[in-house]
Amino acid sequence: MAKDDRVTMKVDRALWSSVSALIKEHPEWGILSVPEFVRRAIDSEIRARKAAGNSTVIDLPLRSKSR
């Protein structure tokens, strides 16, 4: 019986979506490029989360004046 060399890795959905998009965008790179896809996806996800963290939410209660 042959040894199973597969590796299973759990990733969150946002990261997997990013990796899947890169695989679809560059099928010519082949399956052996998955580590590069993951690296790029992680980089993209970190940048997106950092950009989201830089935004500020301000709570402004809007009420009509009653007379």
PDB file of N, CA and C in Angstrom:
ATOM      1  N   MET A   1       0.842  -1.175   0.000  1.00  0.00           N
ATOM      2  CA  MET A   1       0.000   0.000   0.000  1.00  0.00           C
ATOM      3  C   MET A   1       0.893   1.247   0.000  1.00  0.00           C
ATOM      4  N   ALA A   2       0.548   2.218  -0.838  1.00  0.00           N
ATOM      5  CA  ALA A   2       1.341   3.439  -0.961  1.00  0.00           C
ATOM      6  C   ALA A   2       1.082   4.373   0.218  1.00  0.00           C
ATOM      7  N   LYS A   3       2.132   5.091   0.579  1.00  0.00           N
ATOM      8  CA  LYS A   3       2.021   6.055   1.672  1.00  0.00           C
ATOM      9  C   LYS A   3       1.220   7.272   1.196  1.00  0.00           C
ATOM     10  N   ASP A   4       0.331   7.743   2.031  1.00  0.00           N
ATOM     11  CA  ASP A   4      -0.482   8.916   1.710  1.00  0.00           C
ATOM     12  C   ASP A   4       0.279  10.167   2.151  1.00  0.00           C
ATOM     13  N   ASP A   5       0.712  10.969   1.185  1.00  0.00           N
ATOM     14  CA  ASP A   5       1.491  12.169   1.479  1.00  0.00           C
ATOM     15  C   ASP A   5       0.645  13.442   1.510  1.00  0.00           C
ATOM     16  N   ARG A   6      -0.667  13.277   1.475  1.00  0.00           N
ATOM     17  CA  ARG A   6      -1.522  14.462   1.472  1.00  0.00           C
ATOM     18  C   ARG A   6      -1.484  15.168   2.819  1.00  0.00           C
ATOM     19  N   VAL A   7      -1.659  16.483   2.763  1.00  0.00           N
ATOM     20  CA  VAL A   7      -1.710  17.303   3.969  1.00  0.00           C
ATOM     21  C   VAL A   7      -3.049  18.023   3.974  1.00  0.00           C
ATOM     22  N   THR A   8      -3.706  18.015   5.110  1.00  0.00           N
ATOM     23  CA  THR A   8      -4.977  18.717   5.248  1.00  0.00           C
ATOM     24  C   THR A   8      -4.736  19.975   6.064  1.00  0.00           C
ATOM     25  N   MET A   9      -5.291  21.077   5.583  1.00  0.00           N
ATOM     26  CA  MET A   9      -5.108  22.348   6.266  1.00  0.00           C
ATOM     27  C   MET A   9      -6.467  23.028   6.395  1.00  0.00           C
ATOM     28  N   LYS A  10      -6.791  23.491   7.576  1.00  0.00           N
ATOM     29  CA  LYS A  10      -8.049  24.215   7.767  1.00  0.00           C
ATOM     30  C   LYS A  10      -7.781  25.701   7.571  1.00  0.00           C
ATOM     31  N   VAL A  11      -8.611  26.323   6.738  1.00  0.00           N
ATOM     32  CA  VAL A  11      -8.505  27.767   6.518  1.00  0.00           C
ATOM     33  C   VAL A  11      -9.905  28.364   6.616  1.00  0.00           C
ATOM     34  N   ASP A  12      -9.967  29.641   6.973  1.00  0.00           N
ATOM     35  CA  ASP A  12     -11.294  30.241   7.056  1.00  0.00           C
ATOM     36  C   ASP A  12     -11.835  30.492   5.649  1.00  0.00           C
ATOM     37  N   ARG A  13     -13.127  30.727   5.561  1.00  0.00           N
ATOM     38  CA  ARG A  13     -13.787  30.857   4.256  1.00  0.00           C
ATOM     39  C   ARG A  13     -13.235  32.003   3.421  1.00  0.00           C
ATOM     40  N   ALA A  14     -12.931  33.127   4.049  1.00  0.00           N
ATOM     41  CA  ALA A  14     -12.416  34.278   3.305  1.00  0.00           C
ATOM     42  C   ALA A  14     -11.090  33.937   2.635  1.00  0.00           C
ATOM     43  N   LEU A  15     -10.222  33.244   3.351  1.00  0.00           N
ATOM     44  CA  LEU A  15      -8.932  32.854   2.784  1.00  0.00           C
ATOM     45  C   LEU A  15      -9.129  31.849   1.662  1.00  0.00           C
ATOM     46  N   TRP A  16     -10.006  30.858   1.855  1.00  0.00           N
ATOM     47  CA  TRP A  16     -10.247  29.872   0.811  1.00  0.00           C
ATOM     48  C   TRP A  16     -10.844  30.522  -0.430  1.00  0.00           C
ATOM     49  N   SER A  17     -11.722  31.483  -0.251  1.00  0.00           N
ATOM     50  CA  SER A  17     -12.298  32.197  -1.395  1.00  0.00           C
ATOM     51  C   SER A  17     -11.205  32.901  -2.180  1.00  0.00           C
ATOM     52  N   SER A  18     -10.277  33.498  -1.468  1.00  0.00           N
ATOM     53  CA  SER A  18      -9.166  34.191  -2.113  1.00  0.00           C
ATOM     54  C   SER A  18      -8.264  33.209  -2.862  1.00  0.00           C
ATOM     55  N   VAL A  19      -7.945  32.075  -2.238  1.00  0.00           N
ATOM     56  CA  VAL A  19      -7.117  31.051  -2.894  1.00  0.00           C
ATOM     57  C   VAL A  19      -7.836  30.508  -4.127  1.00  0.00           C
ATOM     58  N   SER A  20      -9.110  30.217  -3.996  1.00  0.00           N
ATOM     59  CA  SER A  20      -9.889  29.690  -5.126  1.00  0.00           C
ATOM     60  C   SER A  20      -9.909  30.671  -6.289  1.00  0.00           C
ATOM     61  N   ALA A  21     -10.051  31.950  -5.971  1.00  0.00           N
ATOM     62  CA  ALA A  21     -10.065  32.965  -7.031  1.00  0.00           C
ATOM     63  C   ALA A  21      -8.725  33.003  -7.760  1.00  0.00           C
ATOM     64  N   LEU A  22      -7.627  32.892  -7.014  1.00  0.00           N
ATOM     65  CA  LEU A  22      -6.304  32.889  -7.648  1.00  0.00           C
ATOM     66  C   LEU A  22      -6.111  31.653  -8.521  1.00  0.00           C
ATOM     67  N   ILE A  23      -6.581  30.496  -8.066  1.00  0.00           N
ATOM     68  CA  ILE A  23      -6.459  29.265  -8.852  1.00  0.00           C
ATOM     69  C   ILE A  23      -7.252  29.393 -10.146  1.00  0.00           C
ATOM     70  N   LYS A  24      -8.463  29.960 -10.068  1.00  0.00           N
ATOM     71  CA  LYS A  24      -9.283  30.146 -11.274  1.00  0.00           C
ATOM     72  C   LYS A  24      -8.662  31.175 -12.209  1.00  0.00           C
ATOM     73  N   GLU A  25      -8.053  32.215 -11.642  1.00  0.00           N
ATOM     74  CA  GLU A  25      -7.462  33.289 -12.439  1.00  0.00           C
ATOM     75  C   GLU A  25      -6.188  32.833 -13.158  1.00  0.00           C
ATOM     76  N   HIS A  26      -5.435  31.916 -12.551  1.00  0.00           N
ATOM     77  CA  HIS A  26      -4.155  31.471 -13.114  1.00  0.00           C
ATOM     78  C   HIS A  26      -4.056  29.943 -13.184  1.00  0.00           C
ATOM     79  N   PRO A  27      -4.912  29.281 -13.956  1.00  0.00           N
ATOM     80  CA  PRO A  27      -4.845  27.816 -14.032  1.00  0.00           C
ATOM     81  C   PRO A  27      -3.536  27.323 -14.653  1.00  0.00           C
ATOM     82  N   GLU A  28      -2.881  28.178 -15.418  1.00  0.00           N
ATOM     83  CA  GLU A  28      -1.623  27.780 -16.062  1.00  0.00           C
ATOM     84  C   GLU A  28      -0.500  27.550 -15.054  1.00  0.00           C
ATOM     85  N   TRP A  29      -0.638  28.057 -13.847  1.00  0.00           N
ATOM     86  CA  TRP A  29       0.392  27.862 -12.847  1.00  0.00           C
ATOM     87  C   TRP A  29       0.392  26.435 -12.311  1.00  0.00           C
ATOM     88  N   GLY A  30      -0.735  25.756 -12.390  1.00  0.00           N
ATOM     89  CA  GLY A  30      -0.807  24.364 -11.958  1.00  0.00           C
ATOM     90  C   GLY A  30      -0.982  24.202 -10.458  1.00  0.00           C
ATOM     91  N   ILE A  31      -1.300  22.985 -10.074  1.00  0.00           N
ATOM     92  CA  ILE A  31      -1.593  22.666  -8.674  1.00  0.00           C
ATOM     93  C   ILE A  31      -0.366  22.816  -7.778  1.00  0.00           C
ATOM     94  N   LEU A  32       0.830  22.682  -8.349  1.00  0.00           N
ATOM     95  CA  LEU A  32       2.043  22.807  -7.542  1.00  0.00           C
ATOM     96  C   LEU A  32       2.269  24.241  -7.067  1.00  0.00           C
ATOM     97  N   SER A  33       1.517  25.173  -7.606  1.00  0.00           N
ATOM     98  CA  SER A  33       1.636  26.573  -7.194  1.00  0.00           C
ATOM     99  C   SER A  33       0.729  26.917  -6.019  1.00  0.00           C
ATOM    100  N   VAL A  34       0.037  25.947  -5.463  1.00  0.00           N
ATOM    101  CA  VAL A  34      -0.885  26.224  -4.355  1.00  0.00           C
ATOM    102  C   VAL A  34      -0.189  26.941  -3.196  1.00  0.00           C
ATOM    103  N   PRO A  35       1.057  26.580  -2.799  1.00  0.00           N
ATOM    104  CA  PRO A  35       1.700  27.357  -1.732  1.00  0.00           C
ATOM    105  C   PRO A  35       1.814  28.849  -2.082  1.00  0.00           C
ATOM    106  N   GLU A  36       2.084  29.144  -3.347  1.00  0.00           N
ATOM    107  CA  GLU A  36       2.148  30.544  -3.780  1.00  0.00           C
ATOM    108  C   GLU A  36       0.761  31.180  -3.715  1.00  0.00           C
ATOM    109  N   PHE A  37      -0.264  30.434  -4.122  1.00  0.00           N
ATOM    110  CA  PHE A  37      -1.638  30.932  -4.032  1.00  0.00           C
ATOM    111  C   PHE A  37      -1.976  31.260  -2.575  1.00  0.00           C
ATOM    112  N   VAL A  38      -1.614  30.372  -1.672  1.00  0.00           N
ATOM    113  CA  VAL A  38      -1.915  30.567  -0.253  1.00  0.00           C
ATOM    114  C   VAL A  38      -1.171  31.790   0.275  1.00  0.00           C
ATOM    115  N   ARG A  39       0.105  31.927  -0.084  1.00  0.00           N
ATOM    116  CA  ARG A  39       0.881  33.081   0.360  1.00  0.00           C
ATOM    117  C   ARG A  39       0.239  34.379  -0.115  1.00  0.00           C
ATOM    118  N   ARG A  40      -0.134  34.418  -1.392  1.00  0.00           N
ATOM    119  CA  ARG A  40      -0.760  35.622  -1.946  1.00  0.00           C
ATOM    120  C   ARG A  40      -2.120  35.888  -1.298  1.00  0.00           C
ATOM    121  N   ALA A  41      -2.882  34.829  -1.069  1.00  0.00           N
ATOM    122  CA  ALA A  41      -4.199  34.982  -0.452  1.00  0.00           C
ATOM    123  C   ALA A  41      -4.070  35.500   0.979  1.00  0.00           C
ATOM    124  N   ILE A  42      -3.105  34.963   1.722  1.00  0.00           N
ATOM    125  CA  ILE A  42      -2.887  35.429   3.089  1.00  0.00           C
ATOM    126  C   ILE A  42      -2.497  36.903   3.074  1.00  0.00           C
ATOM    127  N   ASP A  43      -1.601  37.271   2.163  1.00  0.00           N
ATOM    128  CA  ASP A  43      -1.182  38.666   2.045  1.00  0.00           C
ATOM    129  C   ASP A  43      -2.377  39.565   1.733  1.00  0.00           C
ATOM    130  N   SER A  44      -3.201  39.122   0.791  1.00  0.00           N
ATOM    131  CA  SER A  44      -4.386  39.888   0.410  1.00  0.00           C
ATOM    132  C   SER A  44      -5.365  40.010   1.579  1.00  0.00           C
ATOM    133  N   GLU A  45      -5.564  38.924   2.302  1.00  0.00           N
ATOM    134  CA  GLU A  45      -6.489  38.923   3.442  1.00  0.00           C
ATOM    135  C   GLU A  45      -5.979  39.833   4.558  1.00  0.00           C
ATOM    136  N   ILE A  46      -4.683  39.801   4.824  1.00  0.00           N
ATOM    137  CA  ILE A  46      -4.104  40.663   5.858  1.00  0.00           C
ATOM    138  C   ILE A  46      -4.284  42.128   5.480  1.00  0.00           C
ATOM    139  N   ARG A  47      -4.037  42.449   4.208  1.00  0.00           N
ATOM    140  CA  ARG A  47      -4.214  43.835   3.752  1.00  0.00           C
ATOM    141  C   ARG A  47      -5.675  44.273   3.878  1.00  0.00           C
ATOM    142  N   ALA A  48      -6.598  43.396   3.506  1.00  0.00           N
ATOM    143  CA  ALA A  48      -8.024  43.733   3.589  1.00  0.00           C
ATOM    144  C   ALA A  48      -8.451  43.940   5.038  1.00  0.00           C
ATOM    145  N   ARG A  49      -7.991  43.076   5.932  1.00  0.00           N
ATOM    146  CA  ARG A  49      -8.355  43.212   7.350  1.00  0.00           C
ATOM    147  C   ARG A  49      -7.736  44.466   7.958  1.00  0.00           C
ATOM    148  N   LYS A  50      -6.504  44.791   7.530  1.00  0.00           N
ATOM    149  CA  LYS A  50      -5.851  46.001   8.024  1.00  0.00           C
ATOM    150  C   LYS A  50      -6.615  47.233   7.546  1.00  0.00           C
ATOM    151  N   ALA A  51      -7.023  47.233   6.285  1.00  0.00           N
ATOM    152  CA  ALA A  51      -7.789  48.358   5.738  1.00  0.00           C
ATOM    153  C   ALA A  51      -9.123  48.504   6.473  1.00  0.00           C
ATOM    154  N   ALA A  52      -9.764  47.385   6.772  1.00  0.00           N
ATOM    155  CA  ALA A  52     -11.037  47.426   7.497  1.00  0.00           C
ATOM    156  C   ALA A  52     -10.824  47.920   8.925  1.00  0.00           C
ATOM    157  N   GLY A  53      -9.685  47.587   9.501  1.00  0.00           N
ATOM    158  CA  GLY A  53      -9.375  48.026  10.860  1.00  0.00           C
ATOM    159  C   GLY A  53      -9.071  49.506  10.945  1.00  0.00           C
ATOM    160  N   ASN A  54      -8.662  50.093   9.817  1.00  0.00           N
ATOM    161  CA  ASN A  54      -8.350  51.516   9.797  1.00  0.00           C
ATOM    162  C   ASN A  54      -9.598  52.382   9.719  1.00  0.00           C
ATOM    163  N   SER A  55     -10.733  51.787   9.406  1.00  0.00           N
ATOM    164  CA  SER A  55     -11.952  52.587   9.311  1.00  0.00           C
ATOM    165  C   SER A  55     -12.541  52.804  10.703  1.00  0.00           C
ATOM    166  N   THR A  56     -13.249  53.882  10.834  1.00  0.00           N
ATOM    167  CA  THR A  56     -13.834  54.247  12.115  1.00  0.00           C
ATOM    168  C   THR A  56     -15.348  54.332  11.975  1.00  0.00           C
ATOM    169  N   VAL A  57     -16.038  53.771  12.929  1.00  0.00           N
ATOM    170  CA  VAL A  57     -17.497  53.851  12.949  1.00  0.00           C
ATOM    171  C   VAL A  57     -17.875  54.885  13.998  1.00  0.00           C
ATOM    172  N   ILE A  58     -18.672  55.859  13.583  1.00  0.00           N
ATOM    173  CA  ILE A  58     -19.106  56.919  14.490  1.00  0.00           C
ATOM    174  C   ILE A  58     -20.603  56.757  14.714  1.00  0.00           C
ATOM    175  N   ASP A  59     -20.995  56.730  15.968  1.00  0.00           N
ATOM    176  CA  ASP A  59     -22.411  56.597  16.305  1.00  0.00           C
ATOM    177  C   ASP A  59     -23.016  57.990  16.429  1.00  0.00           C
ATOM    178  N   LEU A  60     -23.832  58.355  15.462  1.00  0.00           N
ATOM    179  CA  LEU A  60     -24.514  59.645  15.484  1.00  0.00           C
ATOM    180  C   LEU A  60     -26.013  59.404  15.572  1.00  0.00           C
ATOM    181  N   PRO A  61     -26.590  59.578  16.736  1.00  0.00           N
ATOM    182  CA  PRO A  61     -28.039  59.394  16.838  1.00  0.00           C
ATOM    183  C   PRO A  61     -28.759  60.542  16.121  1.00  0.00           C
ATOM    184  N   LEU A  62     -29.614  60.207  15.211  1.00  0.00           N
ATOM    185  CA  LEU A  62     -30.364  61.206  14.454  1.00  0.00           C
ATOM    186  C   LEU A  62     -31.801  61.211  14.953  1.00  0.00           C
ATOM    187  N   ARG A  63     -32.223  62.347  15.471  1.00  0.00           N
ATOM    188  CA  ARG A  63     -33.588  62.481  15.983  1.00  0.00           C
ATOM    189  C   ARG A  63     -34.193  63.748  15.403  1.00  0.00           C
ATOM    190  N   SER A  64     -35.450  63.681  15.121  1.00  0.00           N
ATOM    191  CA  SER A  64     -36.131  64.890  14.653  1.00  0.00           C
ATOM    192  C   SER A  64     -36.479  65.760  15.855  1.00  0.00           C
ATOM    193  N   LYS A  65     -36.435  67.058  15.643  1.00  0.00           N
ATOM    194  CA  LYS A  65     -36.804  67.974  16.732  1.00  0.00           C
ATOM    195  C   LYS A  65     -38.313  67.969  16.896  1.00  0.00           C
ATOM    196  N   SER A  66     -38.767  67.773  18.109  1.00  0.00           N
ATOM    197  CA  SER A  66     -40.208  67.862  18.343  1.00  0.00           C
ATOM    198  C   SER A  66     -40.509  69.228  18.949  1.00  0.00           C
ATOM    199  N   ARG A  67     -41.579  69.802  18.488  1.00  0.00           N
ATOM    200  CA  ARG A  67     -41.942  71.140  18.979  1.00  0.00           C
ATOM    201  C   ARG A  67     -43.147  71.088  19.835  1.00  0.00           C
TER     202      ARG A  67
END
